[in-house]
């Protein structure tokens, strides 16, 4: 049996449609993978942000403790200076 021009054209169109369907499927799979990757990146960013915020909070607490220790030290120095002045006057 000899293929006519229209039969050949139909076969080519069927091949093209199959190729298009395969390409569409591949693109959809790629889009799903991209979306999954973006979600993973977003979660990692959120985790990093939370960790950074925690470290900043801890640093601020350490600064507050240091400032309190400095105040106590300054107060002790003032008391010591006052005692020295009193001792000199005697």
PDB file of N, CA and C in Angstrom:
ATOM      1  N   UNK A   1       0.843  -1.172   0.000  1.00  0.00           N
ATOM      2  CA  UNK A   1       0.000   0.000   0.000  1.00  0.00           C
ATOM      3  C   UNK A   1       0.888   1.234   0.000  1.00  0.00           C
ATOM      4  N   UNK A   2       0.556   2.146  -0.802  1.00  0.00           N
ATOM      5  CA  UNK A   2       1.332   3.358  -0.969  1.00  0.00           C
ATOM      6  C   UNK A   2       0.689   4.466  -0.141  1.00  0.00           C
ATOM      7  N   UNK A   3       1.579   5.170   0.633  1.00  0.00           N
ATOM      8  CA  UNK A   3       1.084   6.304   1.428  1.00  0.00           C
ATOM      9  C   UNK A   3       0.804   7.474   0.515  1.00  0.00           C
ATOM     10  N   UNK A   4      -0.300   8.086   0.747  1.00  0.00           N
ATOM     11  CA  UNK A   4      -0.608   9.295  -0.007  1.00  0.00           C
ATOM     12  C   UNK A   4       0.002  10.478   0.733  1.00  0.00           C
ATOM     13  N   UNK A   5       0.001  11.590   0.120  1.00  0.00           N
ATOM     14  CA  UNK A   5       0.555  12.802   0.732  1.00  0.00           C
ATOM     15  C   UNK A   5      -0.157  13.163   2.015  1.00  0.00           C
ATOM     16  N   UNK A   6      -1.475  12.993   2.032  1.00  0.00           N
ATOM     17  CA  UNK A   6      -2.227  13.360   3.233  1.00  0.00           C
ATOM     18  C   UNK A   6      -1.945  12.386   4.367  1.00  0.00           C
ATOM     19  N   UNK A   7      -1.727  11.098   4.034  1.00  0.00           N
ATOM     20  CA  UNK A   7      -1.393  10.122   5.072  1.00  0.00           C
ATOM     21  C   UNK A   7      -0.023  10.434   5.676  1.00  0.00           C
ATOM     22  N   UNK A   8       0.907  10.816   4.848  1.00  0.00           N
ATOM     23  CA  UNK A   8       2.246  11.171   5.320  1.00  0.00           C
ATOM     24  C   UNK A   8       2.163  12.396   6.216  1.00  0.00           C
ATOM     25  N   UNK A   9       1.385  13.362   5.791  1.00  0.00           N
ATOM     26  CA  UNK A   9       1.215  14.592   6.564  1.00  0.00           C
ATOM     27  C   UNK A   9       0.572  14.283   7.918  1.00  0.00           C
ATOM     28  N   UNK A  10      -0.423  13.399   7.927  1.00  0.00           N
ATOM     29  CA  UNK A  10      -1.087  13.027   9.174  1.00  0.00           C
ATOM     30  C   UNK A  10      -0.107  12.328  10.117  1.00  0.00           C
ATOM     31  N   UNK A  11       0.743  11.481   9.559  1.00  0.00           N
ATOM     32  CA  UNK A  11       1.731  10.769  10.378  1.00  0.00           C
ATOM     33  C   UNK A  11       2.723  11.769  10.969  1.00  0.00           C
ATOM     34  N   UNK A  12       3.139  12.741  10.168  1.00  0.00           N
ATOM     35  CA  UNK A  12       4.057  13.774  10.662  1.00  0.00           C
ATOM     36  C   UNK A  12       3.393  14.596  11.765  1.00  0.00           C
ATOM     37  N   UNK A  13       2.124  14.938  11.558  1.00  0.00           N
ATOM     38  CA  UNK A  13       1.391  15.705  12.568  1.00  0.00           C
ATOM     39  C   UNK A  13       1.258  14.914  13.863  1.00  0.00           C
ATOM     40  N   UNK A  14       1.000  13.615  13.739  1.00  0.00           N
ATOM     41  CA  UNK A  14       0.879  12.767  14.930  1.00  0.00           C
ATOM     42  C   UNK A  14       2.209  12.740  15.680  1.00  0.00           C
ATOM     43  N   UNK A  15       3.311  12.631  14.934  1.00  0.00           N
ATOM     44  CA  UNK A  15       4.639  12.642  15.562  1.00  0.00           C
ATOM     45  C   UNK A  15       4.887  13.973  16.266  1.00  0.00           C
ATOM     46  N   UNK A  16       4.508  15.062  15.615  1.00  0.00           N
ATOM     47  CA  UNK A  16       4.694  16.387  16.209  1.00  0.00           C
ATOM     48  C   UNK A  16       3.847  16.553  17.465  1.00  0.00           C
ATOM     49  N   UNK A  17       2.616  16.058  17.421  1.00  0.00           N
ATOM     50  CA  UNK A  17       1.744  16.142  18.593  1.00  0.00           C
ATOM     51  C   UNK A  17       2.317  15.332  19.754  1.00  0.00           C
ATOM     52  N   UNK A  18       2.847  14.155  19.439  1.00  0.00           N
ATOM     53  CA  UNK A  18       3.454  13.323  20.479  1.00  0.00           C
ATOM     54  C   UNK A  18       4.667  14.037  21.069  1.00  0.00           C
ATOM     55  N   UNK A  19       5.454  14.665  20.210  1.00  0.00           N
ATOM     56  CA  UNK A  19       6.630  15.404  20.670  1.00  0.00           C
ATOM     57  C   UNK A  19       6.217  16.587  21.542  1.00  0.00           C
ATOM     58  N   UNK A  20       5.185  17.303  21.125  1.00  0.00           N
ATOM     59  CA  UNK A  20       4.680  18.428  21.917  1.00  0.00           C
ATOM     60  C   UNK A  20       4.181  17.962  23.280  1.00  0.00           C
ATOM     61  N   UNK A  21       3.472  16.843  23.297  1.00  0.00           N
ATOM     62  CA  UNK A  21       2.963  16.306  24.563  1.00  0.00           C
ATOM     63  C   UNK A  21       4.129  15.943  25.485  1.00  0.00           C
ATOM     64  N   UNK A  22       5.158  15.352  24.912  1.00  0.00           N
ATOM     65  CA  UNK A  22       6.348  14.985  25.697  1.00  0.00           C
ATOM     66  C   UNK A  22       7.050  16.233  26.231  1.00  0.00           C
ATOM     67  N   UNK A  23       7.154  17.251  25.384  1.00  0.00           N
ATOM     68  CA  UNK A  23       7.792  18.502  25.812  1.00  0.00           C
ATOM     69  C   UNK A  23       6.990  19.164  26.932  1.00  0.00           C
ATOM     70  N   UNK A  24       5.665  19.147  26.796  1.00  0.00           N
ATOM     71  CA  UNK A  24       4.804  19.747  27.817  1.00  0.00           C
ATOM     72  C   UNK A  24       4.991  19.024  29.147  1.00  0.00           C
ATOM     73  N   UNK A  25       5.018  17.716  29.087  1.00  0.00           N
ATOM     74  CA  UNK A  25       5.202  16.906  30.292  1.00  0.00           C
ATOM     75  C   UNK A  25       6.550  17.224  30.943  1.00  0.00           C
ATOM     76  N   UNK A  26       7.569  17.336  30.121  1.00  0.00           N
ATOM     77  CA  UNK A  26       8.911  17.646  30.620  1.00  0.00           C
ATOM     78  C   UNK A  26       8.955  19.035  31.252  1.00  0.00           C
ATOM     79  N   UNK A  27       8.295  20.000  30.624  1.00  0.00           N
ATOM     80  CA  UNK A  27       8.256  21.361  31.170  1.00  0.00           C
ATOM     81  C   UNK A  27       7.516  21.393  32.499  1.00  0.00           C
ATOM     82  N   UNK A  28       6.408  20.680  32.581  1.00  0.00           N
ATOM     83  CA  UNK A  28       5.646  20.639  33.829  1.00  0.00           C
ATOM     84  C   UNK A  28       6.477  20.026  34.950  1.00  0.00           C
ATOM     85  N   UNK A  29       7.211  18.979  34.616  1.00  0.00           N
ATOM     86  CA  UNK A  29       8.087  18.342  35.608  1.00  0.00           C
ATOM     87  C   UNK A  29       9.164  19.331  36.066  1.00  0.00           C
ATOM     88  N   UNK A  30       9.736  20.050  35.118  1.00  0.00           N
ATOM     89  CA  UNK A  30      10.750  21.055  35.451  1.00  0.00           C
ATOM     90  C   UNK A  30      10.189  22.163  36.333  1.00  0.00           C
ATOM     91  N   UNK A  31       8.968  22.583  36.036  1.00  0.00           N
ATOM     92  CA  UNK A  31       8.332  23.626  36.840  1.00  0.00           C
ATOM     93  C   UNK A  31       8.075  23.139  38.262  1.00  0.00           C
ATOM     94  N   UNK A  32       7.656  21.872  38.392  1.00  0.00           N
ATOM     95  CA  UNK A  32       7.438  21.300  39.725  1.00  0.00           C
ATOM     96  C   UNK A  32       8.748  21.279  40.511  1.00  0.00           C
ATOM     97  N   UNK A  33       9.811  20.857  39.845  1.00  0.00           N
ATOM     98  CA  UNK A  33      11.119  20.799  40.506  1.00  0.00           C
ATOM     99  C   UNK A  33      11.584  22.189  40.919  1.00  0.00           C
ATOM    100  N   UNK A  34      11.347  23.174  40.046  1.00  0.00           N
ATOM    101  CA  UNK A  34      11.718  24.551  40.376  1.00  0.00           C
ATOM    102  C   UNK A  34      10.944  25.054  41.585  1.00  0.00           C
ATOM    103  N   UNK A  35       9.657  24.774  41.610  1.00  0.00           N
ATOM    104  CA  UNK A  35       8.816  25.213  42.723  1.00  0.00           C
ATOM    105  C   UNK A  35       9.288  24.559  44.017  1.00  0.00           C
ATOM    106  N   UNK A  36       9.597  23.282  43.949  1.00  0.00           N
ATOM    107  CA  UNK A  36      10.089  22.567  45.129  1.00  0.00           C
ATOM    108  C   UNK A  36      11.406  23.185  45.605  1.00  0.00           C
ATOM    109  N   UNK A  37      12.288  23.481  44.669  1.00  0.00           N
ATOM    110  CA  UNK A  37      13.563  24.113  45.014  1.00  0.00           C
ATOM    111  C   UNK A  37      13.368  25.480  45.650  1.00  0.00           C
ATOM    112  N   UNK A  38      12.431  26.248  45.117  1.00  0.00           N
ATOM    113  CA  UNK A  38      12.146  27.571  45.677  1.00  0.00           C
ATOM    114  C   UNK A  38      11.604  27.456  47.096  1.00  0.00           C
ATOM    115  N   UNK A  39      10.728  26.471  47.319  1.00  0.00           N
ATOM    116  CA  UNK A  39      10.177  26.269  48.659  1.00  0.00           C
ATOM    117  C   UNK A  39      11.277  25.878  49.644  1.00  0.00           C
ATOM    118  N   UNK A  40      12.193  25.017  49.200  1.00  0.00           N
ATOM    119  CA  UNK A  40      13.309  24.616  50.060  1.00  0.00           C
ATOM    120  C   UNK A  40      14.193  25.818  50.391  1.00  0.00           C
ATOM    121  N   UNK A  41      14.455  26.644  49.381  1.00  0.00           N
ATOM    122  CA  UNK A  41      15.269  27.840  49.612  1.00  0.00           C
ATOM    123  C   UNK A  41      14.586  28.783  50.594  1.00  0.00           C
ATOM    124  N   UNK A  42      13.277  28.944  50.447  1.00  0.00           N
ATOM    125  CA  UNK A  42      12.526  29.827  51.338  1.00  0.00           C
ATOM    126  C   UNK A  42      12.611  29.323  52.772  1.00  0.00           C
ATOM    127  N   UNK A  43      12.470  28.014  52.950  1.00  0.00           N
ATOM    128  CA  UNK A  43      12.546  27.433  54.289  1.00  0.00           C
ATOM    129  C   UNK A  43      13.943  27.637  54.873  1.00  0.00           C
ATOM    130  N   UNK A  44      14.975  27.418  54.063  1.00  0.00           N
ATOM    131  CA  UNK A  44      16.345  27.624  54.532  1.00  0.00           C
ATOM    132  C   UNK A  44      16.566  29.078  54.933  1.00  0.00           C
ATOM    133  N   UNK A  45      16.034  30.011  54.154  1.00  0.00           N
ATOM    134  CA  UNK A  45      16.163  31.428  54.490  1.00  0.00           C
ATOM    135  C   UNK A  45      15.469  31.742  55.808  1.00  0.00           C
ATOM    136  N   UNK A  46      14.280  31.173  55.993  1.00  0.00           N
ATOM    137  CA  UNK A  46      13.548  31.405  57.240  1.00  0.00           C
ATOM    138  C   UNK A  46      14.313  30.833  58.430  1.00  0.00           C
ATOM    139  N   UNK A  47      14.886  29.636  58.242  1.00  0.00           N
ATOM    140  CA  UNK A  47      15.675  29.021  59.313  1.00  0.00           C
ATOM    141  C   UNK A  47      16.903  29.869  59.634  1.00  0.00           C
ATOM    142  N   UNK A  48      17.564  30.360  58.585  1.00  0.00           N
ATOM    143  CA  UNK A  48      18.744  31.203  58.797  1.00  0.00           C
ATOM    144  C   UNK A  48      18.355  32.487  59.524  1.00  0.00           C
ATOM    145  N   UNK A  49      17.243  33.067  59.125  1.00  0.00           N
ATOM    146  CA  UNK A  49      16.776  34.307  59.748  1.00  0.00           C
ATOM    147  C   UNK A  49      16.481  34.077  61.224  1.00  0.00           C
ATOM    148  N   UNK A  50      15.800  32.969  61.524  1.00  0.00           N
ATOM    149  CA  UNK A  50      15.476  32.657  62.921  1.00  0.00           C
ATOM    150  C   UNK A  50      16.756  32.451  63.729  1.00  0.00           C
ATOM    151  N   UNK A  51      17.722  31.750  63.149  1.00  0.00           N
ATOM    152  CA  UNK A  51      18.994  31.529  63.833  1.00  0.00           C
ATOM    153  C   UNK A  51      19.732  32.831  64.070  1.00  0.00           C
ATOM    154  N   UNK A  52      19.720  33.690  63.079  1.00  0.00           N
ATOM    155  CA  UNK A  52      20.395  34.980  63.198  1.00  0.00           C
ATOM    156  C   UNK A  52      19.724  35.842  64.258  1.00  0.00           C
ATOM    157  N   UNK A  53      18.401  35.847  64.256  1.00  0.00           N
ATOM    158  CA  UNK A  53      17.676  36.628  65.262  1.00  0.00           C
ATOM    159  C   UNK A  53      18.000  36.129  66.666  1.00  0.00           C
ATOM    160  N   UNK A  54      18.112  34.814  66.809  1.00  0.00           N
ATOM    161  CA  UNK A  54      18.441  34.238  68.117  1.00  0.00           C
ATOM    162  C   UNK A  54      19.841  34.669  68.550  1.00  0.00           C
ATOM    163  N   UNK A  55      20.790  34.629  67.612  1.00  0.00           N
ATOM    164  CA  UNK A  55      22.159  35.043  67.939  1.00  0.00           C
ATOM    165  C   UNK A  55      22.213  36.522  68.302  1.00  0.00           C
ATOM    166  N   UNK A  56      21.445  37.340  67.600  1.00  0.00           N
ATOM    167  CA  UNK A  56      21.406  38.776  67.908  1.00  0.00           C
ATOM    168  C   UNK A  56      20.848  38.987  69.305  1.00  0.00           C
ATOM    169  N   UNK A  57      19.769  38.261  69.615  1.00  0.00           N
ATOM    170  CA  UNK A  57      19.168  38.363  70.946  1.00  0.00           C
ATOM    171  C   UNK A  57      20.181  37.986  72.026  1.00  0.00           C
ATOM    172  N   UNK A  58      20.897  36.891  71.794  1.00  0.00           N
ATOM    173  CA  UNK A  58      21.900  36.446  72.763  1.00  0.00           C
ATOM    174  C   UNK A  58      22.996  37.495  72.913  1.00  0.00           C
ATOM    175  N   UNK A  59      23.404  38.074  71.798  1.00  0.00           N
ATOM    176  CA  UNK A  59      24.425  39.120  71.840  1.00  0.00           C
ATOM    177  C   UNK A  59      23.954  40.330  72.621  1.00  0.00           C
ATOM    178  N   UNK A  60      22.707  40.695  72.429  1.00  0.00           N
ATOM    179  CA  UNK A  60      22.157  41.837  73.158  1.00  0.00           C
ATOM    180  C   UNK A  60      22.108  41.549  74.657  1.00  0.00           C
ATOM    181  N   UNK A  61      21.758  40.316  75.011  1.00  0.00           N
ATOM    182  CA  UNK A  61      21.741  39.935  76.426  1.00  0.00           C
ATOM    183  C   UNK A  61      23.147  40.027  77.020  1.00  0.00           C
ATOM    184  N   UNK A  62      24.136  39.558  76.258  1.00  0.00           N
ATOM    185  CA  UNK A  62      25.518  39.634  76.734  1.00  0.00           C
ATOM    186  C   UNK A  62      25.947  41.086  76.924  1.00  0.00           C
ATOM    187  N   UNK A  63      25.545  41.946  76.011  1.00  0.00           N
ATOM    188  CA  UNK A  63      25.877  43.374  76.124  1.00  0.00           C
ATOM    189  C   UNK A  63      25.239  43.955  77.380  1.00  0.00           C
ATOM    190  N   UNK A  64      23.972  43.610  77.619  1.00  0.00           N
ATOM    191  CA  UNK A  64      23.290  44.111  78.819  1.00  0.00           C
ATOM    192  C   UNK A  64      24.009  43.645  80.082  1.00  0.00           C
ATOM    193  N   UNK A  65      24.414  42.380  80.102  1.00  0.00           N
ATOM    194  CA  UNK A  65      25.137  41.856  81.268  1.00  0.00           C
ATOM    195  C   UNK A  65      26.456  42.605  81.453  1.00  0.00           C
ATOM    196  N   UNK A  66      27.148  42.829  80.343  1.00  0.00           N
ATOM    197  CA  UNK A  66      28.409  43.565  80.407  1.00  0.00           C
ATOM    198  C   UNK A  66      28.214  44.979  80.916  1.00  0.00           C
ATOM    199  N   UNK A  67      27.166  45.628  80.453  1.00  0.00           N
ATOM    200  CA  UNK A  67      26.879  46.991  80.907  1.00  0.00           C
ATOM    201  C   UNK A  67      26.568  47.005  82.402  1.00  0.00           C
ATOM    202  N   UNK A  68      25.821  46.011  82.861  1.00  0.00           N
ATOM    203  CA  UNK A  68      25.487  45.929  84.284  1.00  0.00           C
ATOM    204  C   UNK A  68      26.759  45.710  85.116  1.00  0.00           C
ATOM    205  N   UNK A  69      27.636  44.849  84.628  1.00  0.00           N
ATOM    206  CA  UNK A  69      28.900  44.623  85.333  1.00  0.00           C
ATOM    207  C   UNK A  69      29.728  45.905  85.380  1.00  0.00           C
ATOM    208  N   UNK A  70      29.716  46.664  84.280  1.00  0.00           N
ATOM    209  CA  UNK A  70      30.449  47.934  84.256  1.00  0.00           C
ATOM    210  C   UNK A  70      29.866  48.913  85.274  1.00  0.00           C
ATOM    211  N   UNK A  71      28.543  48.983  85.355  1.00  0.00           N
ATOM    212  CA  UNK A  71      27.905  49.877  86.330  1.00  0.00           C
ATOM    213  C   UNK A  71      28.314  49.494  87.748  1.00  0.00           C
ATOM    214  N   UNK A  72      28.295  48.196  88.020  1.00  0.00           N
ATOM    215  CA  UNK A  72      28.686  47.729  89.353  1.00  0.00           C
ATOM    216  C   UNK A  72      30.145  48.093  89.637  1.00  0.00           C
ATOM    217  N   UNK A  73      30.992  47.901  88.637  1.00  0.00           N
ATOM    218  CA  UNK A  73      32.404  48.246  88.799  1.00  0.00           C
ATOM    219  C   UNK A  73      32.594  49.733  89.039  1.00  0.00           C
ATOM    220  N   UNK A  74      31.864  50.552  88.303  1.00  0.00           N
ATOM    221  CA  UNK A  74      31.956  51.998  88.496  1.00  0.00           C
ATOM    222  C   UNK A  74      31.484  52.394  89.889  1.00  0.00           C
ATOM    223  N   UNK A  75      30.418  51.751  90.341  1.00  0.00           N
ATOM    224  CA  UNK A  75      29.900  52.040  91.683  1.00  0.00           C
ATOM    225  C   UNK A  75      30.939  51.665  92.741  1.00  0.00           C
ATOM    226  N   UNK A  76      31.576  50.524  92.561  1.00  0.00           N
ATOM    227  CA  UNK A  76      32.623  50.107  93.502  1.00  0.00           C
ATOM    228  C   UNK A  76      33.783  51.103  93.492  1.00  0.00           C
ATOM    229  N   UNK A  77      34.130  51.591  92.299  1.00  0.00           N
ATOM    230  CA  UNK A  77      35.217  52.570  92.206  1.00  0.00           C
ATOM    231  C   UNK A  77      34.840  53.861  92.931  1.00  0.00           C
ATOM    232  N   UNK A  78      33.606  54.310  92.762  1.00  0.00           N
ATOM    233  CA  UNK A  78      33.152  55.526  93.447  1.00  0.00           C
ATOM    234  C   UNK A  78      33.234  55.348  94.966  1.00  0.00           C
ATOM    235  N   UNK A  79      32.772  54.202  95.430  1.00  0.00           N
ATOM    236  CA  UNK A  79      32.823  53.925  96.869  1.00  0.00           C
ATOM    237  C   UNK A  79      34.266  53.914  97.356  1.00  0.00           C
ATOM    238  N   UNK A  80      35.132  53.293  96.567  1.00  0.00           N
ATOM    239  CA  UNK A  80      36.548  53.259  96.935  1.00  0.00           C
ATOM    240  C   UNK A  80      37.142  54.655  96.977  1.00  0.00           C
ATOM    241  N   UNK A  81      36.804  55.496  96.005  1.00  0.00           N
ATOM    242  CA  UNK A  81      37.307  56.869  95.981  1.00  0.00           C
ATOM    243  C   UNK A  81      36.793  57.655  97.185  1.00  0.00           C
ATOM    244  N   UNK A  82      35.526  57.460  97.524  1.00  0.00           N
ATOM    245  CA  UNK A  82      34.956  58.152  98.681  1.00  0.00           C
ATOM    246  C   UNK A  82      35.667  57.722  99.958  1.00  0.00           C
ATOM    247  N   UNK A  83      35.936  56.434 100.086  1.00  0.00           N
ATOM    248  CA  UNK A  83      36.634  55.934 101.272  1.00  0.00           C
ATOM    249  C   UNK A  83      38.044  56.519 101.345  1.00  0.00           C
ATOM    250  N   UNK A  84      38.703  56.620 100.183  1.00  0.00           N
ATOM    251  CA  UNK A  84      40.053  57.182 100.164  1.00  0.00           C
ATOM    252  C   UNK A  84      40.019  58.648 100.588  1.00  0.00           C
ATOM    253  N   UNK A  85      39.013  59.400 100.130  1.00  0.00           N
ATOM    254  CA  UNK A  85      38.889  60.808 100.508  1.00  0.00           C
ATOM    255  C   UNK A  85      38.657  60.939 102.018  1.00  0.00           C
ATOM    256  N   UNK A  86      37.803  60.072 102.543  1.00  0.00           N
ATOM    257  CA  UNK A  86      37.518  60.095 103.983  1.00  0.00           C
ATOM    258  C   UNK A  86      38.788  59.787 104.776  1.00  0.00           C
ATOM    259  N   UNK A  87      39.560  58.795 104.290  1.00  0.00           N
ATOM    260  CA  UNK A  87      40.795  58.415 104.977  1.00  0.00           C
ATOM    261  C   UNK A  87      41.814  59.557 104.943  1.00  0.00           C
ATOM    262  N   UNK A  88      41.868  60.319 103.850  1.00  0.00           N
ATOM    263  CA  UNK A  88      42.808  61.434 103.730  1.00  0.00           C
ATOM    264  C   UNK A  88      42.439  62.556 104.695  1.00  0.00           C
ATOM    265  N   UNK A  89      41.139  62.777 104.881  1.00  0.00           N
ATOM    266  CA  UNK A  89      40.674  63.851 105.753  1.00  0.00           C
ATOM    267  C   UNK A  89      40.968  63.535 107.219  1.00  0.00           C
ATOM    268  N   UNK A  90      41.081  62.279 107.573  1.00  0.00           N
ATOM    269  CA  UNK A  90      41.301  61.894 108.967  1.00  0.00           C
ATOM    270  C   UNK A  90      42.673  62.173 109.414  1.00  0.00           C
TER     271      UNK A  90
END
